[in-house]
Amino acid sequence: MIDPKLRVLLCDKNEDLSFMIGEYLKRGDLEVDQFNDSKAGYEASQNNTYNIYIFDVTLFEKNGLEMIDKVHAANPEAVVVLLKPRSIVLDRLYVENEIILSKPFGIHDLVSAIGTKKRSKTNLLKGGSVKSERLNAINTTTYMIGNYKFEVQRYKLTLNDQTRELTTKEAALLLLIAENPNCFVERDFILEKIWKTSNADYGAKRSMDVYLCKLRQYLKDDPSIYIINIHGKGYKFIAPVELV
């Protein structure tokens, strides 16, 4: 019996990008349904079951994340890829079976996120667990911060052949400042995004300061990297940052 193709729902408002991604995936023997508006994409996600969902988050506006959460709930074994502008920060770092890619990105970034799907096809079709295979497939968002390699969803920071395992808070904080290189970031913004609280929470402020001190220590072997404290206001992260 011939296995059916893996099914992909691709929903991106950029028609040129959508066409390019769709054609590339089809050449990889995936079945792709493409939409360029939120209504059609949402209806397709409700009426059909896919193995991989690729969503442009700007299409869905305020209710977008709620819609994406419904997709996860209805299809817990599927992978959801979220495409976003660099200016948008999504506090979804640890949502299971989800990968976030910032635009612009190379097609290889997306392909690497789903590249092992064919190897996990049998388990997917039989309803088995593919968590270990999927970890290798989707945890691919990687930044070069100076000479350090930061593998976001794997919580790994590597310099040369030395790798440090980060905690969830450390990884979330490093991601936030990596997405805002050479920019001032307010303390309130950091507290709201990561600690889910405000500047009035003294304990959270102290915790944030401790974590930033840890990150300074972790990054100390590259003299091009600075985390500057602007007293009482926030921080500025000075470093060459590249999404790879």
Protein backbone atom coordinates (compact mmCIF):
# COMPACT_ATOMS: atom_id res chain seq x y z
CA MET A 1 0.00 0.00 0.00
CA ILE A 2 1.34 3.45 -0.92
CA ASP A 3 1.48 5.89 1.99
CA PRO A 4 -0.50 9.08 1.46
CA LYS A 5 1.46 12.30 1.24
CA LEU A 6 1.97 14.50 4.24
CA ARG A 7 -0.53 17.35 4.07
CA VAL A 8 0.47 20.99 4.56
CA LEU A 9 -1.76 24.01 5.10
CA LEU A 10 0.08 27.16 4.01
CA CYS A 11 -1.53 30.51 4.77
CA ASP A 12 0.51 33.63 4.00
CA LYS A 13 -0.67 37.00 2.72
CA ASN A 14 2.46 37.46 0.61
CA GLU A 15 1.44 35.72 -2.61
CA ASP A 16 4.97 35.57 -4.03
CA LEU A 17 6.41 34.05 -0.85
CA SER A 18 3.48 31.65 -0.56
CA PHE A 19 3.94 30.49 -4.15
CA MET A 20 7.68 29.97 -3.68
CA ILE A 21 7.22 27.97 -0.46
CA GLY A 22 4.34 25.96 -1.88
CA GLU A 23 6.21 24.97 -5.05
CA TYR A 24 9.30 23.99 -3.08
CA LEU A 25 7.31 21.78 -0.72
CA LYS A 26 5.38 20.18 -3.57
CA ARG A 27 8.67 19.24 -5.21
CA GLY A 28 9.46 17.49 -1.93
CA ASP A 29 6.37 15.31 -2.47
CA LEU A 30 4.15 17.07 0.07
CA GLU A 31 0.52 17.91 -0.58
CA VAL A 32 0.03 21.66 -0.06
CA ASP A 33 -3.16 23.70 0.27
CA GLN A 34 -2.40 27.42 -0.10
CA PHE A 35 -4.43 30.46 0.96
CA ASN A 36 -3.68 34.18 1.07
CA ASP A 37 -6.52 35.35 3.31
CA SER A 38 -7.34 34.57 6.92
CA LYS A 39 -10.95 33.48 6.41
CA ALA A 40 -10.17 30.81 3.83
CA GLY A 41 -7.15 29.63 5.78
CA TYR A 42 -9.08 29.35 9.02
CA GLU A 43 -11.94 27.48 7.36
CA ALA A 44 -9.49 25.03 5.82
CA SER A 45 -7.88 24.42 9.21
CA GLN A 46 -11.31 23.67 10.69
CA ASN A 47 -12.58 21.45 7.88
CA ASN A 48 -9.45 19.41 7.16
CA THR A 49 -6.66 17.68 9.04
CA TYR A 50 -3.06 18.49 8.17
CA ASN A 51 0.31 17.24 9.37
CA ILE A 52 1.96 20.66 9.09
CA TYR A 53 0.40 24.10 9.43
CA ILE A 54 2.27 27.21 8.23
CA PHE A 55 0.65 30.49 9.26
CA ASP A 56 1.54 34.13 8.66
CA VAL A 57 0.56 35.50 12.08
CA THR A 58 -0.14 38.99 10.70
CA LEU A 59 -3.11 37.60 8.76
CA PHE A 60 -5.12 36.79 11.84
CA GLU A 61 -4.77 40.02 13.85
CA LYS A 62 -5.97 39.98 17.48
CA ASN A 63 -7.61 36.56 17.43
CA GLY A 64 -4.72 34.90 15.63
CA LEU A 65 -3.11 33.19 18.59
CA GLU A 66 -6.47 31.91 19.80
CA MET A 67 -7.01 30.34 16.40
CA ILE A 68 -3.55 28.79 16.44
CA ASP A 69 -4.17 27.36 19.92
CA LYS A 70 -7.36 25.73 18.58
CA VAL A 71 -5.33 24.14 15.79
CA HIS A 72 -2.91 22.71 18.37
CA ALA A 73 -5.80 21.39 20.47
CA ALA A 74 -7.49 19.72 17.52
CA ASN A 75 -4.25 18.31 16.05
CA PRO A 76 -1.79 17.73 18.93
CA GLU A 77 0.58 15.67 16.78
CA ALA A 78 0.83 18.28 14.02
CA VAL A 79 3.60 20.84 13.75
CA VAL A 80 2.62 24.50 13.51
CA VAL A 81 5.08 26.92 11.90
CA LEU A 82 4.45 30.62 12.62
CA LEU A 83 5.87 33.22 10.25
CA LYS A 84 6.21 36.73 11.68
CA PRO A 85 7.93 40.07 11.08
CA ARG A 86 11.01 40.66 13.23
CA SER A 87 9.20 43.57 14.88
CA ILE A 88 6.61 41.24 16.44
CA VAL A 89 7.60 39.40 19.61
CA LEU A 90 5.60 36.24 20.30
CA ASP A 91 5.61 34.91 23.84
CA ARG A 92 5.21 31.30 22.69
CA LEU A 93 8.72 30.00 23.06
CA TYR A 94 7.72 26.81 24.81
CA VAL A 95 4.51 25.86 23.02
CA GLU A 96 4.93 22.19 22.12
CA ASN A 97 5.19 21.28 18.43
CA GLU A 98 5.55 24.89 17.32
CA ILE A 99 8.35 26.70 15.53
CA ILE A 100 8.60 30.46 14.96
CA LEU A 101 10.44 31.95 11.99
CA SER A 102 11.06 35.67 11.58
CA LYS A 103 10.79 37.24 8.14
CA PRO A 104 12.77 37.54 6.00
CA PHE A 105 14.08 33.99 6.09
CA GLY A 106 15.65 31.65 3.59
CA ILE A 107 13.68 28.73 2.27
CA HIS A 108 16.25 26.46 3.93
CA ASP A 109 15.13 27.77 7.33
CA LEU A 110 11.63 26.50 6.72
CA VAL A 111 12.73 23.29 5.07
CA SER A 112 15.03 22.46 7.99
CA ALA A 113 12.04 22.85 10.32
CA ILE A 114 10.09 20.14 8.54
CA GLY A 115 12.89 18.19 6.89
CA THR A 116 12.57 15.02 8.96
CA LYS A 117 8.81 14.69 8.42
CA LYS A 118 9.17 11.95 5.85
CA ARG A 119 11.15 9.88 8.34
CA SER A 120 8.33 10.24 10.87
CA LYS A 121 5.55 9.64 8.32
CA THR A 122 4.86 6.07 9.42
CA ASN A 123 4.36 7.06 13.03
CA LEU A 124 2.19 9.99 12.05
CA LEU A 125 -0.11 7.91 9.91
CA LYS A 126 -0.40 5.19 12.53
CA GLY A 127 -1.19 7.71 15.24
CA GLY A 128 2.00 6.92 17.12
CA SER A 129 4.27 9.23 19.02
CA VAL A 130 6.85 11.16 17.02
CA LYS A 131 8.01 13.58 19.68
CA SER A 132 11.68 12.57 19.52
CA GLU A 133 11.75 12.82 15.71
CA ARG A 134 9.86 16.11 15.79
CA LEU A 135 12.31 17.66 18.22
CA ASN A 136 15.01 17.16 15.63
CA ALA A 137 12.73 18.58 12.95
CA ILE A 138 11.35 21.74 14.47
CA ASN A 139 13.77 23.03 17.09
CA THR A 140 15.82 24.85 14.48
CA THR A 141 15.46 28.58 15.18
CA THR A 142 19.09 29.60 15.65
CA TYR A 143 20.79 32.95 16.20
CA MET A 144 24.45 33.79 16.00
CA ILE A 145 25.08 36.31 18.79
CA GLY A 146 28.61 37.41 18.18
CA ASN A 147 30.58 34.17 18.26
CA TYR A 148 27.87 32.30 20.19
CA LYS A 149 25.29 30.01 18.63
CA PHE A 150 21.91 30.23 20.36
CA GLU A 151 19.53 27.35 19.55
CA VAL A 152 16.30 28.85 20.82
CA GLN A 153 13.89 26.00 21.45
CA ARG A 154 16.67 23.65 22.49
CA TYR A 155 17.80 26.15 25.16
CA LYS A 156 21.43 25.76 24.06
CA LEU A 157 24.18 28.38 23.94
CA THR A 158 27.38 27.24 22.26
CA LEU A 159 30.81 28.82 21.88
CA ASN A 160 33.28 26.74 19.89
CA ASP A 161 32.78 23.21 21.27
CA GLN A 162 31.43 24.28 24.67
CA THR A 163 27.62 24.12 25.08
CA ARG A 164 25.61 25.46 27.99
CA GLU A 165 22.07 24.29 28.75
CA LEU A 166 19.87 27.32 29.52
CA THR A 167 16.87 27.44 31.82
CA THR A 168 13.51 28.45 30.37
CA LYS A 169 13.79 31.97 31.80
CA GLU A 170 17.37 32.36 30.54
CA ALA A 171 16.40 31.23 27.04
CA ALA A 172 13.32 33.48 26.94
CA LEU A 173 15.32 36.50 28.10
CA LEU A 174 18.16 35.84 25.67
CA LEU A 175 15.65 35.47 22.83
CA LEU A 176 14.02 38.78 23.73
CA ILE A 177 17.27 40.70 23.63
CA ALA A 178 18.48 38.80 20.54
CA GLU A 179 15.35 39.97 18.72
CA ASN A 180 16.12 43.57 19.71
CA PRO A 181 19.86 43.99 19.05
CA ASN A 182 21.34 47.43 19.58
CA CYS A 183 17.98 48.70 20.85
CA PHE A 184 16.80 49.99 24.20
CA VAL A 185 14.32 47.64 25.88
CA GLU A 186 12.28 48.92 28.82
CA ARG A 187 12.25 47.02 32.11
CA ASP A 188 8.45 47.04 32.10
CA PHE A 189 8.40 45.38 28.69
CA ILE A 190 10.72 42.59 29.85
CA LEU A 191 8.76 42.04 33.06
CA GLU A 192 5.47 41.89 31.20
CA LYS A 193 6.68 39.54 28.48
CA ILE A 194 8.66 37.07 30.58
CA TRP A 195 7.62 37.47 34.21
CA LYS A 196 3.99 38.35 33.43
CA THR A 197 4.06 41.17 35.95
CA SER A 198 4.84 44.89 36.28
CA ASN A 199 7.62 47.11 37.52
CA ALA A 200 5.84 47.30 40.88
CA ASP A 201 6.75 43.66 41.59
CA TYR A 202 10.04 43.99 43.49
CA GLY A 203 10.70 40.25 43.54
CA ALA A 204 10.34 39.97 39.77
CA LYS A 205 12.66 42.95 39.26
CA ARG A 206 15.32 41.34 41.43
CA SER A 207 14.87 38.04 39.58
CA MET A 208 15.26 39.80 36.23
CA ASP A 209 18.47 41.49 37.37
CA VAL A 210 19.87 38.15 38.53
CA TYR A 211 19.10 36.50 35.19
CA LEU A 212 20.68 39.35 33.26
CA CYS A 213 23.82 39.01 35.39
CA LYS A 214 23.88 35.32 34.50
CA LEU A 215 23.60 36.11 30.81
CA ARG A 216 26.46 38.60 31.06
CA GLN A 217 28.56 35.85 32.60
CA TYR A 218 27.56 33.33 29.92
CA LEU A 219 28.45 35.77 27.11
CA LYS A 220 31.62 37.19 28.64
CA ASP A 221 34.03 35.39 26.30
CA ASP A 222 33.02 37.55 23.34
CA PRO A 223 34.17 41.15 23.91
CA SER A 224 31.83 42.45 21.19
CA ILE A 225 28.77 41.70 23.37
CA TYR A 226 27.48 44.12 25.99
CA ILE A 227 24.33 44.20 28.11
CA ILE A 228 24.10 47.80 29.28
CA ASN A 229 21.94 48.73 32.26
CA ILE A 230 20.25 52.11 31.86
CA HIS A 231 19.48 52.72 35.51
CA GLY A 232 15.82 52.53 36.40
CA LYS A 233 14.70 52.39 32.78
CA GLY A 234 15.87 49.27 31.00
CA TYR A 235 18.65 47.64 29.07
CA LYS A 236 20.47 47.91 25.78
CA PHE A 237 21.93 44.81 24.15
CA ILE A 238 24.97 45.57 22.00
CA ALA A 239 26.03 42.67 19.79
CA PRO A 240 26.14 41.49 16.19
CA VAL A 241 23.05 39.26 15.85
CA GLU A 242 22.11 37.14 12.85
CA LEU A 243 19.34 34.60 12.29
CA VAL A 244 20.94 31.52 10.71
